[in-house]
Structures are given as structure tokens and as C-alpha cells.
Amino acid sequence: MKKMAMVMTVAIAVVFIAGSVFAWGGCGTQGKADKGCQGKGDIKESMKKDLGLTAEQDAKLKAGREAYRTESKALHDAIKAKKDELKAAIAKPGATRAQVEPMVAELKALESQRVDRKVDGIFAVKAILTPEQSTKLEAMKDKHMKEGRGKRKD
């Protein structure tokens, strides 16, 4: 009887663990497709092929992407820190609007920088691509958004 209970316990545990693995989707890349992940292949390679990028364009885009990522991370961290600081200041008993206004202004400036970075990044990509490639990229982005794959999951 004890053996049967042990076997049933293990079987139930395996079912729950397997269910969790399948619910995750098996990719484990959080939105980044890789080979073997629902057959989508590498997104960057697919886009490179679809847009017909030259090796030089690919290198410039990769360098720009890395620089953008580094600078954006620093800005993201600064915004998060300022939001945390503002939240703590507002939570203090007796906090007034006048006391937190300088933090609000700094946060607005950081958010403005983030928007500027995004627009600069878009124009940097457009400067590297040909007009035809840029048009193709916009069509690809529109298709991607319509399929619901470009929505943030916050």
C-alpha cells in the first residue's frame, strides 16, 4: 500500500512539473525565437535575409544596436532609481507637492531623453537602410503588430 501511494505521489509530481514546462512554451527565451522554438528560426537572420542586408549594413546595425542597448540600459536604470526615489518621498508623512516637484521635473527630463533616444535610433536605422529596405521593414513591423507579437506584456 505504501509503495502504491509513493508511486502515485511521484506520478502526480511528474504531471505537475511537465505541465509547468509545457505551459512555459519550451523556448525559455522570453520572446526571442531560436531554432527549434516553434519553428520560427532566428529573427535577426530572417530579417537580414528578408531585407537583403549587405554585410556592411548588418555590421553597422549590430554596432548601433549594441550602443543603443548600453545607453538605454543606463537611462532605464536612472529612470527606475528616480521613480523609486519619488515613490519613497511621496510615501513620507507630511510630504508636499513642492517637496517632490524637483524629482518630478528630473523624472520628466529622463523620460524625455528616453523618447529622444528612441527617435534617434529609428533615424539611425533609416540612415543605414535603403529607402526600399526601410519600406520593407515598416511593412514587417506592421504585420508583426497586427499578429499581436509586438505587444508588450507588462
Protein backbone atom coordinates (compact mmCIF):
# COMPACT_ATOMS: atom_id res chain seq x y z
CA MET A 1 0.00 0.00 0.00
CA LYS A 2 2.84 2.41 0.88
CA LYS A 3 4.54 1.58 -2.42
CA MET A 4 1.36 2.42 -4.34
CA ALA A 5 1.00 5.75 -2.51
CA MET A 6 4.63 6.62 -3.27
CA VAL A 7 4.19 5.75 -6.97
CA MET A 8 1.03 7.88 -7.17
CA THR A 9 2.77 10.82 -5.46
CA VAL A 10 5.67 10.67 -7.90
CA ALA A 11 3.29 10.36 -10.87
CA ILE A 12 1.31 13.42 -9.76
CA ALA A 13 4.51 15.41 -9.24
CA VAL A 14 5.72 14.49 -12.74
CA VAL A 15 2.39 15.60 -14.25
CA PHE A 16 2.54 18.98 -12.49
CA ILE A 17 6.17 19.56 -13.45
CA ALA A 18 5.54 18.55 -17.06
CA GLY A 19 2.51 20.83 -17.16
CA SER A 20 4.62 23.76 -15.98
CA VAL A 21 7.26 23.07 -18.62
CA PHE A 22 4.71 22.91 -21.43
CA ALA A 23 2.88 26.00 -20.15
CA TRP A 24 6.17 27.94 -20.35
CA GLY A 25 6.32 27.08 -24.03
CA GLY A 26 9.64 25.33 -24.09
CA CYS A 27 11.51 28.26 -25.61
CA GLY A 28 12.78 29.83 -22.45
CA THR A 29 13.95 32.86 -24.42
CA GLN A 30 11.20 35.25 -23.38
CA GLY A 31 10.14 36.41 -26.81
CA LYS A 32 13.35 35.66 -28.67
CA ALA A 33 12.85 32.90 -31.17
CA ASP A 34 15.62 30.40 -31.60
CA LYS A 35 15.98 27.31 -33.71
CA GLY A 36 13.63 24.59 -32.60
CA CYS A 37 11.34 27.03 -30.83
CA GLN A 38 8.05 26.56 -32.64
CA GLY A 39 9.96 26.54 -35.93
CA LYS A 40 10.47 30.31 -36.10
CA GLY A 41 14.24 30.35 -36.52
CA ASP A 42 16.50 33.27 -35.67
CA ILE A 43 14.58 36.54 -36.04
CA LYS A 44 17.61 38.69 -36.88
CA GLU A 45 18.80 36.25 -39.54
CA SER A 46 15.31 36.11 -41.01
CA MET A 47 15.05 39.91 -41.14
CA LYS A 48 18.55 40.18 -42.61
CA LYS A 49 17.55 37.82 -45.39
CA ASP A 50 14.12 39.40 -45.98
CA LEU A 51 15.57 42.91 -46.15
CA GLY A 52 18.54 41.84 -48.26
CA LEU A 53 21.09 43.49 -45.96
CA THR A 54 24.69 43.72 -47.04
CA ALA A 55 27.45 42.64 -44.65
CA GLU A 56 28.34 46.30 -44.10
CA GLN A 57 24.73 47.23 -43.26
CA ASP A 58 24.47 44.26 -40.92
CA ALA A 59 27.67 45.29 -39.11
CA LYS A 60 26.50 48.91 -38.78
CA LEU A 61 23.09 47.83 -37.47
CA LYS A 62 24.68 45.44 -34.98
CA ALA A 63 27.05 48.14 -33.68
CA GLY A 64 24.18 50.61 -33.43
CA ARG A 65 22.02 48.07 -31.62
CA GLU A 66 24.75 47.38 -29.06
CA ALA A 67 25.37 51.10 -28.45
CA TYR A 68 21.63 51.74 -28.17
CA ARG A 69 21.24 48.85 -25.72
CA THR A 70 24.07 50.08 -23.50
CA GLU A 71 22.87 53.68 -23.42
CA SER A 72 19.23 52.66 -23.00
CA LYS A 73 20.07 50.41 -20.06
CA ALA A 74 21.81 53.27 -18.27
CA LEU A 75 18.83 55.55 -18.93
CA HIS A 76 16.38 52.84 -17.84
CA ASP A 77 18.28 52.37 -14.58
CA ALA A 78 18.32 56.13 -13.94
CA ILE A 79 14.54 56.34 -14.54
CA LYS A 80 13.90 53.41 -12.23
CA ALA A 81 16.06 54.93 -9.49
CA LYS A 82 14.30 58.30 -9.83
CA LYS A 83 10.86 56.62 -9.70
CA ASP A 84 11.87 54.75 -6.56
CA GLU A 85 13.16 57.97 -5.00
CA LEU A 86 9.92 59.77 -5.88
CA LYS A 87 7.80 56.94 -4.51
CA ALA A 88 9.73 56.99 -1.21
CA ALA A 89 9.41 60.78 -0.93
CA ILE A 90 5.66 60.70 -1.59
CA ALA A 91 5.19 57.93 0.99
CA LYS A 92 6.71 60.05 3.76
CA PRO A 93 4.14 61.53 6.15
CA GLY A 94 3.76 65.23 5.57
CA ALA A 95 5.18 65.15 2.03
CA THR A 96 4.09 68.08 -0.09
CA ARG A 97 3.88 68.66 -3.80
CA ALA A 98 6.53 71.38 -3.54
CA GLN A 99 8.97 68.95 -1.94
CA VAL A 100 8.66 66.34 -4.70
CA GLU A 101 8.37 68.76 -7.64
CA PRO A 102 12.15 68.78 -8.34
CA MET A 103 12.12 64.95 -8.52
CA VAL A 104 9.11 65.05 -10.84
CA ALA A 105 10.94 67.50 -13.13
CA GLU A 106 14.03 65.25 -13.18
CA LEU A 107 11.87 62.22 -13.98
CA LYS A 108 10.17 64.11 -16.83
CA ALA A 109 13.58 65.08 -18.22
CA LEU A 110 14.76 61.44 -18.10
CA GLU A 111 11.57 60.24 -19.81
CA SER A 112 12.07 62.92 -22.46
CA GLN A 113 15.61 61.65 -23.04
CA ARG A 114 14.22 58.14 -23.49
CA VAL A 115 11.83 59.34 -26.20
CA ASP A 116 14.63 61.27 -27.89
CA ARG A 117 16.86 58.16 -27.84
CA LYS A 118 14.13 56.09 -29.42
CA VAL A 119 13.55 58.60 -32.22
CA ASP A 120 17.32 58.96 -32.77
CA GLY A 121 17.58 55.16 -33.00
CA ILE A 122 14.83 54.98 -35.61
CA PHE A 123 16.52 57.60 -37.76
CA ALA A 124 19.91 55.93 -37.33
CA VAL A 125 18.44 52.71 -38.75
CA LYS A 126 16.79 54.61 -41.60
CA ALA A 127 20.16 56.19 -42.45
CA ILE A 128 21.71 52.73 -42.83
CA LEU A 129 18.90 51.15 -44.87
CA THR A 130 17.99 51.96 -48.44
CA PRO A 131 14.53 53.50 -48.97
CA GLU A 132 13.26 50.13 -50.27
CA GLN A 133 14.62 48.28 -47.24
CA SER A 134 13.13 50.88 -44.92
CA THR A 135 9.72 50.42 -46.55
CA LYS A 136 10.03 46.63 -46.22
CA LEU A 137 10.99 46.98 -42.56
CA GLU A 138 7.93 49.14 -41.84
CA ALA A 139 5.69 46.58 -43.56
CA MET A 140 7.28 43.80 -41.50
CA LYS A 141 6.71 45.76 -38.28
CA ASP A 142 3.07 46.45 -39.20
CA LYS A 143 2.48 42.76 -39.92
CA HIS A 144 4.20 41.81 -36.67
CA MET A 145 2.00 44.21 -34.67
CA LYS A 146 -1.21 43.02 -36.35
CA GLU A 147 -0.35 39.44 -35.44
CA GLY A 148 -0.08 40.55 -31.81
CA ARG A 149 3.58 39.64 -31.45
CA GLY A 150 4.79 43.17 -30.89
CA LYS A 151 2.71 43.97 -27.85
CA ARG A 152 4.43 44.42 -24.52
CA LYS A 153 3.39 42.09 -21.75
CA ASP A 154 3.90 44.26 -18.66
